[in-house]
Amino acid sequence: MTAIAASPLELDGRWRLHPQVALRPEPFGALLYHFGTRKLSFLKNPAVVSLVQSLPDHADVDDALRASGIDSAAMGPYRRALATLVASNMLVRDEETKL
């Protein structure tokens, strides 16, 4: 599976962790480890950890953000964080799951 570059404005559709990515909760947030690329990412914000974990349950990123209690004015940094995870192939589009 190839990485899809996504700007914060191109995060439409459903997303999920790459099948080769493991999320390990930590006191500071979480570690993401990609077994295919051997990349390690640190999620230092518990709200981002919850958001990443909830992505498959929502039709798109904005739905997940709203469900997490993040209002429209505060979505920018979260969308940028998710776009960074997409660019590093930690998150991929979830084409299989339908609500």
PDB file of N, CA and C in Angstrom:
ATOM      1  N   MET A   1       0.846  -1.170   0.000  1.00  0.00           N
ATOM      2  CA  MET A   1       0.000   0.000   0.000  1.00  0.00           C
ATOM      3  C   MET A   1       0.894   1.236   0.000  1.00  0.00           C
ATOM      4  N   THR A   2       0.611   2.206  -0.830  1.00  0.00           N
ATOM      5  CA  THR A   2       1.429   3.411  -0.898  1.00  0.00           C
ATOM      6  C   THR A   2       0.816   4.510  -0.050  1.00  0.00           C
ATOM      7  N   ALA A   3       1.655   5.402   0.408  1.00  0.00           N
ATOM      8  CA  ALA A   3       1.187   6.526   1.215  1.00  0.00           C
ATOM      9  C   ALA A   3       0.448   7.512   0.332  1.00  0.00           C
ATOM     10  N   ILE A   4      -0.573   8.103   0.890  1.00  0.00           N
ATOM     11  CA  ILE A   4      -1.338   9.128   0.192  1.00  0.00           C
ATOM     12  C   ILE A   4      -1.033  10.445   0.873  1.00  0.00           C
ATOM     13  N   ALA A   5      -0.449  11.369   0.146  1.00  0.00           N
ATOM     14  CA  ALA A   5      -0.196  12.688   0.719  1.00  0.00           C
ATOM     15  C   ALA A   5      -1.530  13.384   0.914  1.00  0.00           C
ATOM     16  N   ALA A   6      -1.725  13.968   2.062  1.00  0.00           N
ATOM     17  CA  ALA A   6      -2.987  14.641   2.345  1.00  0.00           C
ATOM     18  C   ALA A   6      -2.691  15.956   3.037  1.00  0.00           C
ATOM     19  N   SER A   7      -3.216  17.014   2.481  1.00  0.00           N
ATOM     20  CA  SER A   7      -3.124  18.288   3.181  1.00  0.00           C
ATOM     21  C   SER A   7      -4.234  18.290   4.223  1.00  0.00           C
ATOM     22  N   PRO A   8      -4.173  19.205   5.189  1.00  0.00           N
ATOM     23  CA  PRO A   8      -5.241  19.249   6.179  1.00  0.00           C
ATOM     24  C   PRO A   8      -6.625  19.428   5.558  1.00  0.00           C
ATOM     25  N   LEU A   9      -6.692  19.944   4.339  1.00  0.00           N
ATOM     26  CA  LEU A   9      -7.984  20.155   3.695  1.00  0.00           C
ATOM     27  C   LEU A   9      -8.439  18.951   2.879  1.00  0.00           C
ATOM     28  N   GLU A  10      -7.584  17.933   2.726  1.00  0.00           N
ATOM     29  CA  GLU A  10      -7.915  16.780   1.896  1.00  0.00           C
ATOM     30  C   GLU A  10      -8.143  15.519   2.712  1.00  0.00           C
ATOM     31  N   LEU A  11      -8.639  15.656   3.915  1.00  0.00           N
ATOM     32  CA  LEU A  11      -8.844  14.502   4.780  1.00  0.00           C
ATOM     33  C   LEU A  11     -10.294  14.028   4.745  1.00  0.00           C
ATOM     34  N   ASP A  12     -10.898  14.050   3.565  1.00  0.00           N
ATOM     35  CA  ASP A  12     -12.264  13.567   3.449  1.00  0.00           C
ATOM     36  C   ASP A  12     -12.267  12.044   3.500  1.00  0.00           C
ATOM     37  N   GLY A  13     -13.409  11.476   3.760  1.00  0.00           N
ATOM     38  CA  GLY A  13     -13.531  10.029   3.813  1.00  0.00           C
ATOM     39  C   GLY A  13     -13.074   9.457   5.142  1.00  0.00           C
ATOM     40  N   ARG A  14     -13.198   8.154   5.233  1.00  0.00           N
ATOM     41  CA  ARG A  14     -12.878   7.424   6.463  1.00  0.00           C
ATOM     42  C   ARG A  14     -11.393   7.058   6.489  1.00  0.00           C
ATOM     43  N   TRP A  15     -10.775   7.135   7.678  1.00  0.00           N
ATOM     44  CA  TRP A  15      -9.360   6.832   7.866  1.00  0.00           C
ATOM     45  C   TRP A  15      -9.194   5.833   8.995  1.00  0.00           C
ATOM     46  N   ARG A  16      -8.065   5.151   9.015  1.00  0.00           N
ATOM     47  CA  ARG A  16      -7.743   4.193  10.078  1.00  0.00           C
ATOM     48  C   ARG A  16      -6.229   4.035  10.146  1.00  0.00           C
ATOM     49  N   LEU A  17      -5.770   3.397  11.196  1.00  0.00           N
ATOM     50  CA  LEU A  17      -4.348   3.071  11.274  1.00  0.00           C
ATOM     51  C   LEU A  17      -3.998   2.090  10.164  1.00  0.00           C
ATOM     52  N   HIS A  18      -2.820   2.231   9.610  1.00  0.00           N
ATOM     53  CA  HIS A  18      -2.321   1.272   8.622  1.00  0.00           C
ATOM     54  C   HIS A  18      -2.330  -0.108   9.284  1.00  0.00           C
ATOM     55  N   PRO A  19      -2.639  -1.176   8.537  1.00  0.00           N
ATOM     56  CA  PRO A  19      -2.675  -2.515   9.139  1.00  0.00           C
ATOM     57  C   PRO A  19      -1.360  -2.942   9.798  1.00  0.00           C
ATOM     58  N   GLN A  20      -0.249  -2.343   9.397  1.00  0.00           N
ATOM     59  CA  GLN A  20       1.044  -2.698   9.982  1.00  0.00           C
ATOM     60  C   GLN A  20       1.474  -1.748  11.095  1.00  0.00           C
ATOM     61  N   VAL A  21       0.540  -0.918  11.571  1.00  0.00           N
ATOM     62  CA  VAL A  21       0.859   0.039  12.636  1.00  0.00           C
ATOM     63  C   VAL A  21       0.242  -0.428  13.951  1.00  0.00           C
ATOM     64  N   ALA A  22       1.052  -0.390  14.990  1.00  0.00           N
ATOM     65  CA  ALA A  22       0.580  -0.693  16.342  1.00  0.00           C
ATOM     66  C   ALA A  22       0.592   0.591  17.159  1.00  0.00           C
ATOM     67  N   LEU A  23      -0.455   0.780  17.944  1.00  0.00           N
ATOM     68  CA  LEU A  23      -0.554   1.922  18.846  1.00  0.00           C
ATOM     69  C   LEU A  23      -0.355   1.402  20.265  1.00  0.00           C
ATOM     70  N   ARG A  24       0.602   1.975  20.971  1.00  0.00           N
ATOM     71  CA  ARG A  24       0.855   1.580  22.354  1.00  0.00           C
ATOM     72  C   ARG A  24       0.623   2.784  23.259  1.00  0.00           C
ATOM     73  N   PRO A  25      -0.402   2.719  24.115  1.00  0.00           N
ATOM     74  CA  PRO A  25      -0.651   3.823  25.045  1.00  0.00           C
ATOM     75  C   PRO A  25       0.541   4.036  25.978  1.00  0.00           C
ATOM     76  N   GLU A  26       0.818   5.295  26.260  1.00  0.00           N
ATOM     77  CA  GLU A  26       1.900   5.696  27.157  1.00  0.00           C
ATOM     78  C   GLU A  26       1.379   6.816  28.056  1.00  0.00           C
ATOM     79  N   PRO A  27       2.032   7.085  29.184  1.00  0.00           N
ATOM     80  CA  PRO A  27       1.578   8.164  30.068  1.00  0.00           C
ATOM     81  C   PRO A  27       1.491   9.522  29.368  1.00  0.00           C
ATOM     82  N   PHE A  28       2.359   9.770  28.389  1.00  0.00           N
ATOM     83  CA  PHE A  28       2.366  11.057  27.684  1.00  0.00           C
ATOM     84  C   PHE A  28       1.391  11.095  26.518  1.00  0.00           C
ATOM     85  N   GLY A  29       0.835   9.975  26.116  1.00  0.00           N
ATOM     86  CA  GLY A  29      -0.046   9.875  24.950  1.00  0.00           C
ATOM     87  C   GLY A  29       0.031   8.481  24.374  1.00  0.00           C
ATOM     88  N   ALA A  30       0.833   8.305  23.304  1.00  0.00           N
ATOM     89  CA  ALA A  30       0.979   6.975  22.700  1.00  0.00           C
ATOM     90  C   ALA A  30       2.170   6.943  21.757  1.00  0.00           C
ATOM     91  N   LEU A  31       2.624   5.731  21.494  1.00  0.00           N
ATOM     92  CA  LEU A  31       3.622   5.469  20.462  1.00  0.00           C
ATOM     93  C   LEU A  31       2.924   4.775  19.307  1.00  0.00           C
ATOM     94  N   LEU A  32       3.275   5.165  18.098  1.00  0.00           N
ATOM     95  CA  LEU A  32       2.838   4.450  16.901  1.00  0.00           C
ATOM     96  C   LEU A  32       4.084   3.833  16.283  1.00  0.00           C
ATOM     97  N   TYR A  33       4.020   2.543  15.998  1.00  0.00           N
ATOM     98  CA  TYR A  33       5.148   1.883  15.346  1.00  0.00           C
ATOM     99  C   TYR A  33       4.651   1.208  14.080  1.00  0.00           C
ATOM    100  N   HIS A  34       5.298   1.525  12.958  1.00  0.00           N
ATOM    101  CA  HIS A  34       4.956   0.928  11.664  1.00  0.00           C
ATOM    102  C   HIS A  34       5.936  -0.215  11.411  1.00  0.00           C
ATOM    103  N   PHE A  35       5.433  -1.441  11.428  1.00  0.00           N
ATOM    104  CA  PHE A  35       6.288  -2.613  11.261  1.00  0.00           C
ATOM    105  C   PHE A  35       6.827  -2.743   9.842  1.00  0.00           C
ATOM    106  N   GLY A  36       6.171  -2.135   8.866  1.00  0.00           N
ATOM    107  CA  GLY A  36       6.650  -2.194   7.489  1.00  0.00           C
ATOM    108  C   GLY A  36       7.788  -1.228   7.213  1.00  0.00           C
ATOM    109  N   THR A  37       7.661  -0.013   7.708  1.00  0.00           N
ATOM    110  CA  THR A  37       8.679   1.012   7.445  1.00  0.00           C
ATOM    111  C   THR A  37       9.646   1.189   8.612  1.00  0.00           C
ATOM    112  N   ARG A  38       9.303   0.604   9.758  1.00  0.00           N
ATOM    113  CA  ARG A  38      10.080   0.712  10.993  1.00  0.00           C
ATOM    114  C   ARG A  38      10.115   2.143  11.531  1.00  0.00           C
ATOM    115  N   LYS A  39       9.121   2.940  11.153  1.00  0.00           N
ATOM    116  CA  LYS A  39       9.021   4.309  11.671  1.00  0.00           C
ATOM    117  C   LYS A  39       8.315   4.296  13.020  1.00  0.00           C
ATOM    118  N   LEU A  40       8.721   5.221  13.857  1.00  0.00           N
ATOM    119  CA  LEU A  40       8.131   5.406  15.168  1.00  0.00           C
ATOM    120  C   LEU A  40       7.619   6.838  15.256  1.00  0.00           C
ATOM    121  N   SER A  41       6.389   6.994  15.713  1.00  0.00           N
ATOM    122  CA  SER A  41       5.816   8.327  15.918  1.00  0.00           C
ATOM    123  C   SER A  41       5.328   8.436  17.353  1.00  0.00           C
ATOM    124  N   PHE A  42       5.487   9.616  17.908  1.00  0.00           N
ATOM    125  CA  PHE A  42       5.029   9.894  19.259  1.00  0.00           C
ATOM    126  C   PHE A  42       3.788  10.767  19.175  1.00  0.00           C
ATOM    127  N   LEU A  43       2.718  10.341  19.811  1.00  0.00           N
ATOM    128  CA  LEU A  43       1.523  11.173  19.938  1.00  0.00           C
ATOM    129  C   LEU A  43       1.548  11.714  21.360  1.00  0.00           C
ATOM    130  N   LYS A  44       1.859  12.998  21.486  1.00  0.00           N
ATOM    131  CA  LYS A  44       2.076  13.595  22.803  1.00  0.00           C
ATOM    132  C   LYS A  44       0.837  14.292  23.348  1.00  0.00           C
ATOM    133  N   ASN A  45      -0.280  14.106  22.695  1.00  0.00           N
ATOM    134  CA  ASN A  45      -1.519  14.739  23.108  1.00  0.00           C
ATOM    135  C   ASN A  45      -2.582  13.648  23.238  1.00  0.00           C
ATOM    136  N   PRO A  46      -3.093  13.407  24.446  1.00  0.00           N
ATOM    137  CA  PRO A  46      -4.107  12.359  24.618  1.00  0.00           C
ATOM    138  C   PRO A  46      -5.348  12.563  23.741  1.00  0.00           C
ATOM    139  N   ALA A  47      -5.675  13.817  23.436  1.00  0.00           N
ATOM    140  CA  ALA A  47      -6.824  14.070  22.560  1.00  0.00           C
ATOM    141  C   ALA A  47      -6.553  13.547  21.152  1.00  0.00           C
ATOM    142  N   VAL A  48      -5.315  13.659  20.678  1.00  0.00           N
ATOM    143  CA  VAL A  48      -4.957  13.131  19.356  1.00  0.00           C
ATOM    144  C   VAL A  48      -5.005  11.604  19.376  1.00  0.00           C
ATOM    145  N   VAL A  49      -4.574  11.000  20.474  1.00  0.00           N
ATOM    146  CA  VAL A  49      -4.633   9.541  20.600  1.00  0.00           C
ATOM    147  C   VAL A  49      -6.081   9.073  20.487  1.00  0.00           C
ATOM    148  N   SER A  50      -6.967   9.695  21.249  1.00  0.00           N
ATOM    149  CA  SER A  50      -8.391   9.333  21.193  1.00  0.00           C
ATOM    150  C   SER A  50      -8.962   9.548  19.805  1.00  0.00           C
ATOM    151  N   LEU A  51      -8.570  10.643  19.178  1.00  0.00           N
ATOM    152  CA  LEU A  51      -9.041  10.945  17.831  1.00  0.00           C
ATOM    153  C   LEU A  51      -8.597   9.869  16.847  1.00  0.00           C
ATOM    154  N   VAL A  52      -7.329   9.502  16.876  1.00  0.00           N
ATOM    155  CA  VAL A  52      -6.804   8.471  15.972  1.00  0.00           C
ATOM    156  C   VAL A  52      -7.539   7.151  16.194  1.00  0.00           C
ATOM    157  N   GLN A  53      -7.770   6.799  17.445  1.00  0.00           N
ATOM    158  CA  GLN A  53      -8.459   5.547  17.741  1.00  0.00           C
ATOM    159  C   GLN A  53      -9.909   5.564  17.277  1.00  0.00           C
ATOM    160  N   SER A  54     -10.526   6.738  17.229  1.00  0.00           N
ATOM    161  CA  SER A  54     -11.939   6.832  16.858  1.00  0.00           C
ATOM    162  C   SER A  54     -12.176   6.985  15.360  1.00  0.00           C
ATOM    163  N   LEU A  55     -11.140   7.240  14.580  1.00  0.00           N
ATOM    164  CA  LEU A  55     -11.325   7.508  13.147  1.00  0.00           C
ATOM    165  C   LEU A  55     -12.153   6.455  12.411  1.00  0.00           C
ATOM    166  N   PRO A  56     -11.926   5.151  12.615  1.00  0.00           N
ATOM    167  CA  PRO A  56     -12.711   4.163  11.860  1.00  0.00           C
ATOM    168  C   PRO A  56     -14.208   4.189  12.176  1.00  0.00           C
ATOM    169  N   ASP A  57     -14.577   4.801  13.298  1.00  0.00           N
ATOM    170  CA  ASP A  57     -15.981   4.844  13.707  1.00  0.00           C
ATOM    171  C   ASP A  57     -16.752   6.002  13.096  1.00  0.00           C
ATOM    172  N   HIS A  58     -16.089   6.828  12.295  1.00  0.00           N
ATOM    173  CA  HIS A  58     -16.720   8.031  11.758  1.00  0.00           C
ATOM    174  C   HIS A  58     -16.574   8.106  10.249  1.00  0.00           C
ATOM    175  N   ALA A  59     -17.541   8.748   9.620  1.00  0.00           N
ATOM    176  CA  ALA A  59     -17.566   8.845   8.154  1.00  0.00           C
ATOM    177  C   ALA A  59     -16.415   9.671   7.609  1.00  0.00           C
ATOM    178  N   ASP A  60     -15.933  10.641   8.387  1.00  0.00           N
ATOM    179  CA  ASP A  60     -14.801  11.459   7.949  1.00  0.00           C
ATOM    180  C   ASP A  60     -14.124  12.099   9.158  1.00  0.00           C
ATOM    181  N   VAL A  61     -13.034  12.768   8.898  1.00  0.00           N
ATOM    182  CA  VAL A  61     -12.240  13.375   9.966  1.00  0.00           C
ATOM    183  C   VAL A  61     -13.047  14.418  10.734  1.00  0.00           C
ATOM    184  N   ASP A  62     -13.801  15.252  10.031  1.00  0.00           N
ATOM    185  CA  ASP A  62     -14.568  16.286  10.727  1.00  0.00           C
ATOM    186  C   ASP A  62     -15.595  15.678  11.676  1.00  0.00           C
ATOM    187  N   ASP A  63     -16.242  14.580  11.274  1.00  0.00           N
ATOM    188  CA  ASP A  63     -17.170  13.896  12.179  1.00  0.00           C
ATOM    189  C   ASP A  63     -16.441  13.404  13.425  1.00  0.00           C
ATOM    190  N   ALA A  64     -15.259  12.832  13.240  1.00  0.00           N
ATOM    191  CA  ALA A  64     -14.473  12.343  14.376  1.00  0.00           C
ATOM    192  C   ALA A  64     -14.062  13.502  15.289  1.00  0.00           C
ATOM    193  N   LEU A  65     -13.674  14.622  14.696  1.00  0.00           N
ATOM    194  CA  LEU A  65     -13.296  15.795  15.489  1.00  0.00           C
ATOM    195  C   LEU A  65     -14.474  16.310  16.310  1.00  0.00           C
ATOM    196  N   ARG A  66     -15.629  16.435  15.667  1.00  0.00           N
ATOM    197  CA  ARG A  66     -16.819  16.911  16.386  1.00  0.00           C
ATOM    198  C   ARG A  66     -17.199  15.945  17.507  1.00  0.00           C
ATOM    199  N   ALA A  67     -17.140  14.642  17.232  1.00  0.00           N
ATOM    200  CA  ALA A  67     -17.471  13.639  18.251  1.00  0.00           C
ATOM    201  C   ALA A  67     -16.494  13.691  19.420  1.00  0.00           C
ATOM    202  N   SER A  68     -15.286  14.155  19.167  1.00  0.00           N
ATOM    203  CA  SER A  68     -14.272  14.297  20.221  1.00  0.00           C
ATOM    204  C   SER A  68     -14.432  15.597  20.993  1.00  0.00           C
ATOM    205  N   GLY A  69     -15.426  16.409  20.616  1.00  0.00           N
ATOM    206  CA  GLY A  69     -15.674  17.660  21.311  1.00  0.00           C
ATOM    207  C   GLY A  69     -14.821  18.820  20.841  1.00  0.00           C
ATOM    208  N   ILE A  70     -14.236  18.690  19.656  1.00  0.00           N
ATOM    209  CA  ILE A  70     -13.384  19.748  19.112  1.00  0.00           C
ATOM    210  C   ILE A  70     -14.222  20.592  18.163  1.00  0.00           C
ATOM    211  N   ASP A  71     -14.341  21.888  18.460  1.00  0.00           N
ATOM    212  CA  ASP A  71     -15.178  22.735  17.606  1.00  0.00           C
ATOM    213  C   ASP A  71     -14.425  23.174  16.355  1.00  0.00           C
ATOM    214  N   SER A  72     -15.157  23.691  15.406  1.00  0.00           N
ATOM    215  CA  SER A  72     -14.602  24.044  14.091  1.00  0.00           C
ATOM    216  C   SER A  72     -13.403  24.977  14.184  1.00  0.00           C
ATOM    217  N   ALA A  73     -13.452  25.929  15.097  1.00  0.00           N
ATOM    218  CA  ALA A  73     -12.365  26.909  15.217  1.00  0.00           C
ATOM    219  C   ALA A  73     -11.058  26.270  15.690  1.00  0.00           C
ATOM    220  N   ALA A  74     -11.130  25.135  16.359  1.00  0.00           N
ATOM    221  CA  ALA A  74      -9.935  24.489  16.914  1.00  0.00           C
ATOM    222  C   ALA A  74      -9.468  23.286  16.103  1.00  0.00           C
ATOM    223  N   MET A  75     -10.098  23.002  14.966  1.00  0.00           N
ATOM    224  CA  MET A  75      -9.784  21.790  14.201  1.00  0.00           C
ATOM    225  C   MET A  75      -8.451  21.835  13.458  1.00  0.00           C
ATOM    226  N   GLY A  76      -7.956  23.014  13.111  1.00  0.00           N
ATOM    227  CA  GLY A  76      -6.757  23.144  12.284  1.00  0.00           C
ATOM    228  C   GLY A  76      -5.555  22.339  12.758  1.00  0.00           C
ATOM    229  N   PRO A  77      -5.118  22.503  14.006  1.00  0.00           N
ATOM    230  CA  PRO A  77      -3.945  21.745  14.467  1.00  0.00           C
ATOM    231  C   PRO A  77      -4.166  20.229  14.446  1.00  0.00           C
ATOM    232  N   TYR A  78      -5.373  19.803  14.738  1.00  0.00           N
ATOM    233  CA  TYR A  78      -5.673  18.368  14.718  1.00  0.00           C
ATOM    234  C   TYR A  78      -5.636  17.830  13.292  1.00  0.00           C
ATOM    235  N   ARG A  79      -6.186  18.605  12.353  1.00  0.00           N
ATOM    236  CA  ARG A  79      -6.166  18.181  10.948  1.00  0.00           C
ATOM    237  C   ARG A  79      -4.722  18.122  10.434  1.00  0.00           C
ATOM    238  N   ARG A  80      -3.885  19.071  10.848  1.00  0.00           N
ATOM    239  CA  ARG A  80      -2.472  19.042  10.438  1.00  0.00           C
ATOM    240  C   ARG A  80      -1.758  17.828  11.029  1.00  0.00           C
ATOM    241  N   ALA A  81      -2.055  17.504  12.276  1.00  0.00           N
ATOM    242  CA  ALA A  81      -1.441  16.325  12.904  1.00  0.00           C
ATOM    243  C   ALA A  81      -1.839  15.054  12.158  1.00  0.00           C
ATOM    244  N   LEU A  82      -3.109  14.947  11.796  1.00  0.00           N
ATOM    245  CA  LEU A  82      -3.565  13.766  11.055  1.00  0.00           C
ATOM    246  C   LEU A  82      -2.941  13.715   9.668  1.00  0.00           C
ATOM    247  N   ALA A  83      -2.823  14.866   9.011  1.00  0.00           N
ATOM    248  CA  ALA A  83      -2.196  14.904   7.683  1.00  0.00           C
ATOM    249  C   ALA A  83      -0.741  14.446   7.766  1.00  0.00           C
ATOM    250  N   THR A  84      -0.052  14.794   8.846  1.00  0.00           N
ATOM    251  CA  THR A  84       1.325  14.337   9.042  1.00  0.00           C
ATOM    252  C   THR A  84       1.367  12.819   9.197  1.00  0.00           C
ATOM    253  N   LEU A  85       0.408  12.257   9.917  1.00  0.00           N
ATOM    254  CA  LEU A  85       0.347  10.800  10.075  1.00  0.00           C
ATOM    255  C   LEU A  85       0.024  10.108   8.753  1.00  0.00           C
ATOM    256  N   VAL A  86      -0.782  10.745   7.919  1.00  0.00           N
ATOM    257  CA  VAL A  86      -1.063  10.194   6.587  1.00  0.00           C
ATOM    258  C   VAL A  86       0.210  10.224   5.747  1.00  0.00           C
ATOM    259  N   ALA A  87       0.922  11.345   5.774  1.00  0.00           N
ATOM    260  CA  ALA A  87       2.143  11.483   4.973  1.00  0.00           C
ATOM    261  C   ALA A  87       3.208  10.465   5.379  1.00  0.00           C
ATOM    262  N   SER A  88       3.215  10.062   6.650  1.00  0.00           N
ATOM    263  CA  SER A  88       4.190   9.071   7.112  1.00  0.00           C
ATOM    264  C   SER A  88       3.645   7.645   7.028  1.00  0.00           C
ATOM    265  N   ASN A  89       2.491   7.486   6.407  1.00  0.00           N
ATOM    266  CA  ASN A  89       1.873   6.179   6.161  1.00  0.00           C
ATOM    267  C   ASN A  89       1.416   5.485   7.444  1.00  0.00           C
ATOM    268  N   MET A  90       1.203   6.248   8.504  1.00  0.00           N
ATOM    269  CA  MET A  90       0.657   5.681   9.740  1.00  0.00           C
ATOM    270  C   MET A  90      -0.861   5.532   9.627  1.00  0.00           C
ATOM    271  N   LEU A  91      -1.493   6.469   8.917  1.00  0.00           N
ATOM    272  CA  LEU A  91      -2.932   6.410   8.664  1.00  0.00           C
ATOM    273  C   LEU A  91      -3.163   6.173   7.184  1.00  0.00           C
ATOM    274  N   VAL A  92      -4.188   5.385   6.883  1.00  0.00           N
ATOM    275  CA  VAL A  92      -4.572   5.122   5.495  1.00  0.00           C
ATOM    276  C   VAL A  92      -6.084   5.258   5.374  1.00  0.00           C
ATOM    277  N   ARG A  93      -6.531   5.471   4.150  1.00  0.00           N
ATOM    278  CA  ARG A  93      -7.974   5.514   3.910  1.00  0.00           C
ATOM    279  C   ARG A  93      -8.568   4.149   4.227  1.00  0.00           C
ATOM    280  N   ASP A  94      -9.735   4.167   4.829  1.00  0.00           N
ATOM    281  CA  ASP A  94     -10.433   2.927   5.153  1.00  0.00           C
ATOM    282  C   ASP A  94     -11.500   2.705   4.094  1.00  0.00           C
ATOM    283  N   GLU A  95     -11.127   2.000   3.054  1.00  0.00           N
ATOM    284  CA  GLU A  95     -12.034   1.761   1.930  1.00  0.00           C
ATOM    285  C   GLU A  95     -12.981   0.604   2.206  1.00  0.00           C
ATOM    286  N   GLU A  96     -12.665  -0.231   3.191  1.00  0.00           N
ATOM    287  CA  GLU A  96     -13.435  -1.447   3.419  1.00  0.00           C
ATOM    288  C   GLU A  96     -14.610  -1.258   4.358  1.00  0.00           C
ATOM    289  N   THR A  97     -14.471  -0.402   5.361  1.00  0.00           N
ATOM    290  CA  THR A  97     -15.501  -0.247   6.376  1.00  0.00           C
ATOM    291  C   THR A  97     -16.579   0.708   5.897  1.00  0.00           C
ATOM    292  N   LYS A  98     -17.798   0.296   6.038  1.00  0.00           N
ATOM    293  CA  LYS A  98     -18.943   1.146   5.702  1.00  0.00           C
ATOM    294  C   LYS A  98     -19.801   1.302   6.948  1.00  0.00           C
ATOM    295  N   LEU A  99     -20.314   2.511   7.154  1.00  0.00           N
ATOM    296  CA  LEU A  99     -21.224   2.730   8.286  1.00  0.00           C
ATOM    297  C   LEU A  99     -22.607   2.254   7.936  1.00  0.00           C
TER     298      LEU A  99
END
